[in-house]
Amino acid sequence: KESRLGSAEIRQVFKAPKIGTIAGCMVLDGRIARGGESHARLVRDNVVVWRGKLASLRRFKDDVAEVKSGSECGIGLDRFNDIKVGDVIEVFTVERVAQTV
């Protein structure tokens, strides 16, 4: 079962020499968390373009574990660089639910 943590809209795209493409985002709702059981997907025009883990999450120059709603942050996606302004990054956790009969 998927449990949604939050979403962020990409406002600007940066190219970093050693890291790749970084998405400058505004967190729309909930929170964006990195690590642990959190997964992410990139949605463009209501179509899921990419699924995976967040490679980096930064607030200004600091590496952070999570960013709350209404804040700006920089997000790097693991092995994915085709990021465009207007895309939405959704972060969620996957929980195992016992099957009921």
N, C-alpha and C. Protein backbone atom coordinates (compact mmCIF):
# COMPACT_ATOMS: atom_id res chain seq x y z
N LYS A 1 0.85 -1.17 0.00
CA LYS A 1 0.00 0.00 0.00
C LYS A 1 0.89 1.24 0.00
N GLU A 2 0.54 2.21 -0.81
CA GLU A 2 1.30 3.46 -0.87
C GLU A 2 0.71 4.48 0.10
N SER A 3 1.58 5.14 0.83
CA SER A 3 1.17 6.18 1.74
C SER A 3 1.89 7.46 1.32
N ARG A 4 1.14 8.45 0.84
CA ARG A 4 1.72 9.66 0.26
C ARG A 4 2.26 10.58 1.36
N LEU A 5 3.49 11.06 1.16
CA LEU A 5 4.11 11.98 2.12
C LEU A 5 3.93 13.43 1.69
N GLY A 6 4.13 13.70 0.40
CA GLY A 6 4.00 15.08 -0.07
C GLY A 6 4.40 15.21 -1.52
N SER A 7 4.29 16.45 -2.04
CA SER A 7 4.67 16.71 -3.43
C SER A 7 5.34 18.07 -3.54
N ALA A 8 6.16 18.21 -4.56
CA ALA A 8 6.90 19.45 -4.81
C ALA A 8 6.85 19.76 -6.30
N GLU A 9 6.64 21.04 -6.62
CA GLU A 9 6.62 21.46 -8.02
C GLU A 9 7.98 22.03 -8.38
N ILE A 10 8.48 21.65 -9.56
CA ILE A 10 9.78 22.12 -10.03
C ILE A 10 9.61 23.52 -10.60
N ARG A 11 10.36 24.48 -10.03
CA ARG A 11 10.27 25.87 -10.46
C ARG A 11 11.46 26.28 -11.33
N GLN A 12 12.60 25.60 -11.12
CA GLN A 12 13.82 25.94 -11.84
C GLN A 12 14.70 24.70 -11.96
N VAL A 13 15.51 24.64 -13.02
CA VAL A 13 16.40 23.49 -13.22
C VAL A 13 17.84 23.99 -13.28
N PHE A 14 18.72 23.33 -12.50
CA PHE A 14 20.14 23.69 -12.46
C PHE A 14 20.98 22.52 -12.95
N LYS A 15 22.08 22.84 -13.61
CA LYS A 15 23.04 21.81 -14.01
C LYS A 15 24.25 21.90 -13.10
N ALA A 16 24.58 20.79 -12.44
CA ALA A 16 25.76 20.75 -11.57
C ALA A 16 26.78 19.83 -12.23
N PRO A 17 28.05 20.25 -12.32
CA PRO A 17 29.04 19.50 -13.08
C PRO A 17 29.21 18.03 -12.68
N LYS A 18 29.38 17.73 -11.40
CA LYS A 18 29.63 16.34 -11.00
C LYS A 18 28.36 15.59 -10.63
N ILE A 19 27.30 16.33 -10.29
CA ILE A 19 26.09 15.69 -9.77
C ILE A 19 25.07 15.39 -10.86
N GLY A 20 24.94 16.28 -11.83
CA GLY A 20 23.92 16.13 -12.88
C GLY A 20 22.93 17.26 -12.78
N THR A 21 21.65 16.95 -12.95
CA THR A 21 20.61 17.97 -12.96
C THR A 21 19.95 18.05 -11.58
N ILE A 22 19.78 19.26 -11.09
CA ILE A 22 19.14 19.51 -9.80
C ILE A 22 17.84 20.27 -10.05
N ALA A 23 16.78 19.85 -9.40
CA ALA A 23 15.49 20.51 -9.52
C ALA A 23 15.29 21.47 -8.36
N GLY A 24 15.12 22.76 -8.67
CA GLY A 24 14.78 23.75 -7.65
C GLY A 24 13.28 23.70 -7.44
N CYS A 25 12.82 23.28 -6.26
CA CYS A 25 11.41 22.99 -6.04
C CYS A 25 10.79 23.81 -4.92
N MET A 26 9.45 23.93 -4.99
CA MET A 26 8.66 24.47 -3.89
C MET A 26 7.77 23.34 -3.41
N VAL A 27 7.84 23.02 -2.12
CA VAL A 27 7.03 21.94 -1.56
C VAL A 27 5.59 22.43 -1.46
N LEU A 28 4.68 21.77 -2.18
CA LEU A 28 3.28 22.19 -2.25
C LEU A 28 2.48 21.72 -1.04
N ASP A 29 2.64 20.45 -0.67
CA ASP A 29 1.90 19.92 0.47
C ASP A 29 2.67 18.79 1.13
N GLY A 30 2.38 18.56 2.40
CA GLY A 30 3.04 17.49 3.14
C GLY A 30 4.50 17.79 3.37
N ARG A 31 5.34 16.76 3.23
CA ARG A 31 6.78 16.93 3.42
C ARG A 31 7.51 16.05 2.42
N ILE A 32 8.72 16.47 2.06
CA ILE A 32 9.58 15.71 1.17
C ILE A 32 10.67 15.11 2.06
N ALA A 33 10.75 13.77 2.08
CA ALA A 33 11.73 13.09 2.92
C ALA A 33 12.64 12.23 2.06
N ARG A 34 13.91 12.16 2.49
CA ARG A 34 14.91 11.37 1.75
C ARG A 34 15.37 10.23 2.63
N GLY A 35 15.68 9.10 2.01
CA GLY A 35 16.22 7.97 2.75
C GLY A 35 15.13 7.11 3.37
N GLY A 36 15.57 6.07 4.04
CA GLY A 36 14.62 5.15 4.68
C GLY A 36 13.74 4.45 3.65
N GLU A 37 12.47 4.42 3.91
CA GLU A 37 11.53 3.74 3.04
C GLU A 37 10.87 4.66 2.01
N SER A 38 11.33 5.90 1.92
CA SER A 38 10.67 6.84 1.01
C SER A 38 11.12 6.63 -0.44
N HIS A 39 10.14 6.66 -1.33
CA HIS A 39 10.35 6.55 -2.77
C HIS A 39 9.80 7.81 -3.42
N ALA A 40 10.17 8.04 -4.69
CA ALA A 40 9.70 9.23 -5.38
C ALA A 40 9.31 8.88 -6.80
N ARG A 41 8.45 9.72 -7.37
CA ARG A 41 8.12 9.59 -8.79
C ARG A 41 8.00 10.99 -9.38
N LEU A 42 8.39 11.10 -10.66
CA LEU A 42 8.32 12.36 -11.37
C LEU A 42 7.11 12.30 -12.29
N VAL A 43 6.20 13.25 -12.13
CA VAL A 43 4.97 13.27 -12.92
C VAL A 43 5.01 14.46 -13.86
N ARG A 44 4.83 14.19 -15.16
CA ARG A 44 4.78 15.24 -16.18
C ARG A 44 3.49 15.07 -16.96
N ASP A 45 2.65 16.08 -16.97
CA ASP A 45 1.35 16.04 -17.67
C ASP A 45 0.53 14.83 -17.26
N ASN A 46 0.45 14.57 -15.95
CA ASN A 46 -0.31 13.45 -15.37
C ASN A 46 0.19 12.08 -15.80
N VAL A 47 1.43 11.99 -16.27
CA VAL A 47 2.04 10.72 -16.65
C VAL A 47 3.30 10.52 -15.80
N VAL A 48 3.45 9.34 -15.21
CA VAL A 48 4.65 9.05 -14.41
C VAL A 48 5.81 8.80 -15.36
N VAL A 49 6.84 9.65 -15.28
CA VAL A 49 7.99 9.59 -16.18
C VAL A 49 9.13 8.77 -15.56
N TRP A 50 9.26 8.85 -14.23
CA TRP A 50 10.38 8.20 -13.53
C TRP A 50 9.94 7.78 -12.14
N ARG A 51 10.48 6.64 -11.67
CA ARG A 51 10.28 6.16 -10.30
C ARG A 51 11.62 5.78 -9.72
N GLY A 52 11.82 6.05 -8.44
CA GLY A 52 13.09 5.67 -7.82
C GLY A 52 13.28 6.37 -6.50
N LYS A 53 14.54 6.62 -6.16
CA LYS A 53 14.90 7.25 -4.89
C LYS A 53 15.43 8.66 -5.15
N LEU A 54 15.34 9.51 -4.12
CA LEU A 54 15.95 10.83 -4.19
C LEU A 54 17.44 10.67 -3.92
N ALA A 55 18.27 11.19 -4.81
CA ALA A 55 19.71 11.11 -4.63
C ALA A 55 20.18 12.16 -3.63
N SER A 56 19.59 13.35 -3.68
CA SER A 56 19.98 14.41 -2.74
C SER A 56 18.79 15.31 -2.45
N LEU A 57 18.81 15.88 -1.25
CA LEU A 57 17.78 16.82 -0.82
C LEU A 57 18.49 17.91 -0.04
N ARG A 58 18.41 19.15 -0.54
CA ARG A 58 19.13 20.25 0.10
C ARG A 58 18.22 21.43 0.33
N ARG A 59 18.47 22.10 1.44
CA ARG A 59 17.79 23.36 1.77
C ARG A 59 18.91 24.38 1.87
N PHE A 60 18.94 25.34 0.94
CA PHE A 60 20.07 26.26 0.77
C PHE A 60 21.32 25.41 0.53
N LYS A 61 22.35 25.52 1.35
CA LYS A 61 23.58 24.75 1.11
C LYS A 61 23.65 23.49 1.97
N ASP A 62 22.66 23.25 2.82
CA ASP A 62 22.73 22.14 3.77
C ASP A 62 21.99 20.91 3.28
N ASP A 63 22.62 19.74 3.48
CA ASP A 63 21.95 18.46 3.22
C ASP A 63 20.94 18.24 4.34
N VAL A 64 19.69 17.95 3.99
CA VAL A 64 18.65 17.74 5.01
C VAL A 64 17.94 16.41 4.77
N ALA A 65 17.28 15.90 5.81
CA ALA A 65 16.54 14.64 5.71
C ALA A 65 15.12 14.88 5.20
N GLU A 66 14.53 16.06 5.57
CA GLU A 66 13.19 16.36 5.09
C GLU A 66 12.97 17.86 5.01
N VAL A 67 12.02 18.25 4.12
CA VAL A 67 11.65 19.64 3.94
C VAL A 67 10.13 19.72 4.04
N LYS A 68 9.62 20.66 4.82
CA LYS A 68 8.18 20.76 5.06
C LYS A 68 7.48 21.64 4.03
N SER A 69 6.16 21.58 4.02
CA SER A 69 5.32 22.32 3.08
C SER A 69 5.59 23.83 3.14
N GLY A 70 5.60 24.47 1.96
CA GLY A 70 5.81 25.91 1.87
C GLY A 70 7.26 26.32 1.78
N SER A 71 8.19 25.36 1.84
CA SER A 71 9.62 25.66 1.77
C SER A 71 10.18 25.35 0.39
N GLU A 72 11.31 25.99 0.09
CA GLU A 72 12.00 25.70 -1.17
C GLU A 72 13.13 24.72 -0.88
N CYS A 73 13.45 23.90 -1.89
CA CYS A 73 14.55 22.95 -1.72
C CYS A 73 15.12 22.57 -3.08
N GLY A 74 16.28 21.93 -3.04
CA GLY A 74 16.90 21.41 -4.25
C GLY A 74 16.86 19.89 -4.18
N ILE A 75 16.36 19.26 -5.24
CA ILE A 75 16.22 17.80 -5.25
C ILE A 75 16.99 17.23 -6.43
N GLY A 76 17.82 16.22 -6.13
CA GLY A 76 18.51 15.48 -7.18
C GLY A 76 17.90 14.09 -7.26
N LEU A 77 17.55 13.64 -8.46
CA LEU A 77 16.95 12.33 -8.65
C LEU A 77 18.02 11.31 -9.00
N ASP A 78 17.91 10.12 -8.46
CA ASP A 78 18.90 9.06 -8.65
C ASP A 78 18.94 8.59 -10.10
N ARG A 79 20.08 8.81 -10.78
CA ARG A 79 20.29 8.38 -12.16
C ARG A 79 19.19 8.83 -13.12
N PHE A 80 18.75 10.09 -13.00
CA PHE A 80 17.75 10.64 -13.92
C PHE A 80 17.98 12.13 -14.07
N ASN A 81 18.09 12.60 -15.33
CA ASN A 81 18.41 14.00 -15.56
C ASN A 81 17.40 14.73 -16.44
N ASP A 82 16.37 14.06 -16.95
CA ASP A 82 15.40 14.70 -17.84
C ASP A 82 14.32 15.40 -17.01
N ILE A 83 14.70 16.51 -16.39
CA ILE A 83 13.80 17.26 -15.51
C ILE A 83 13.39 18.54 -16.22
N LYS A 84 12.11 18.90 -16.15
CA LYS A 84 11.62 20.13 -16.78
C LYS A 84 10.84 20.96 -15.78
N VAL A 85 10.82 22.27 -15.99
CA VAL A 85 10.05 23.17 -15.13
C VAL A 85 8.57 22.84 -15.27
N GLY A 86 7.87 22.76 -14.15
CA GLY A 86 6.44 22.43 -14.17
C GLY A 86 6.15 20.98 -13.80
N ASP A 87 7.19 20.13 -13.82
CA ASP A 87 7.00 18.73 -13.38
C ASP A 87 6.72 18.71 -11.89
N VAL A 88 6.11 17.62 -11.42
CA VAL A 88 5.82 17.47 -10.00
C VAL A 88 6.52 16.21 -9.49
N ILE A 89 7.20 16.34 -8.35
CA ILE A 89 7.83 15.19 -7.70
C ILE A 89 6.95 14.79 -6.54
N GLU A 90 6.48 13.55 -6.54
CA GLU A 90 5.67 13.02 -5.44
C GLU A 90 6.51 12.06 -4.63
N VAL A 91 6.47 12.19 -3.31
CA VAL A 91 7.22 11.31 -2.42
C VAL A 91 6.22 10.47 -1.62
N PHE A 92 6.51 9.17 -1.53
CA PHE A 92 5.59 8.26 -0.84
C PHE A 92 6.38 7.14 -0.19
N THR A 93 5.74 6.44 0.74
CA THR A 93 6.33 5.24 1.32
C THR A 93 5.46 4.06 0.94
N VAL A 94 6.08 2.90 0.85
CA VAL A 94 5.35 1.67 0.52
C VAL A 94 5.28 0.81 1.78
N GLU A 95 4.07 0.47 2.18
CA GLU A 95 3.88 -0.37 3.36
C GLU A 95 3.36 -1.72 2.93
N ARG A 96 3.84 -2.75 3.59
CA ARG A 96 3.33 -4.10 3.33
C ARG A 96 2.11 -4.31 4.20
N VAL A 97 1.01 -4.70 3.56
CA VAL A 97 -0.23 -4.92 4.28
C VAL A 97 -0.57 -6.40 4.21
N ALA A 98 -0.91 -7.00 5.34
CA ALA A 98 -1.26 -8.42 5.35
C ALA A 98 -2.52 -8.64 4.53
N GLN A 99 -2.50 -9.70 3.75
CA GLN A 99 -3.63 -10.00 2.88
C GLN A 99 -4.80 -10.53 3.73
N THR A 100 -5.98 -10.00 3.44
CA THR A 100 -7.18 -10.46 4.16
C THR A 100 -8.05 -11.28 3.21
N VAL A 101 -8.71 -12.25 3.77
CA VAL A 101 -9.53 -13.14 2.94
C VAL A 101 -10.99 -12.76 3.06
